[in-house]
Amino acid sequence: MAKNNGTLLLALLTGAIIGTGIGVLYAPEKGTKTRKKIKDKALDTKDNISEKISHAKEDLSETIKRKKEDFEHKLEDTVTHMSYKADEILSTLERKLEDLRKKNLELQKK
């Protein structure tokens, strides 16, 4: 997503520079009017790029927030699942230990 925004910004900037250069070469007006047009176009392009950067930051922040929430939810599910598994393992070990104690008592009686 960030790569696409960087590519878009580069394309916009390149287009603005090329357009400005062509405009200057073919401008039938006085230099002062042409410079004013160039300045106005540059300011419009700057505003446009600033707006796109702002939107890209907002999108990135929202994506990060969603991914963080998803990660936290998955982590919580995993910890809960592992807790149940740990309880099962402990129960199984306790049963086996009890069986071993019984067998040991039987062997001691012999």
Foldseek 3Di string as FASTA:
>chain_A
DVVVLVVVLVVLVVVLVVVLVVCVVPPPDDPVVSVVVNVVSVVVSVVVNVVSVVVVVVVVVVVVVVVVVVVVVVVVVVVVVVVVVVVVVVVVVVVVVVVVVVVVVVVVVD
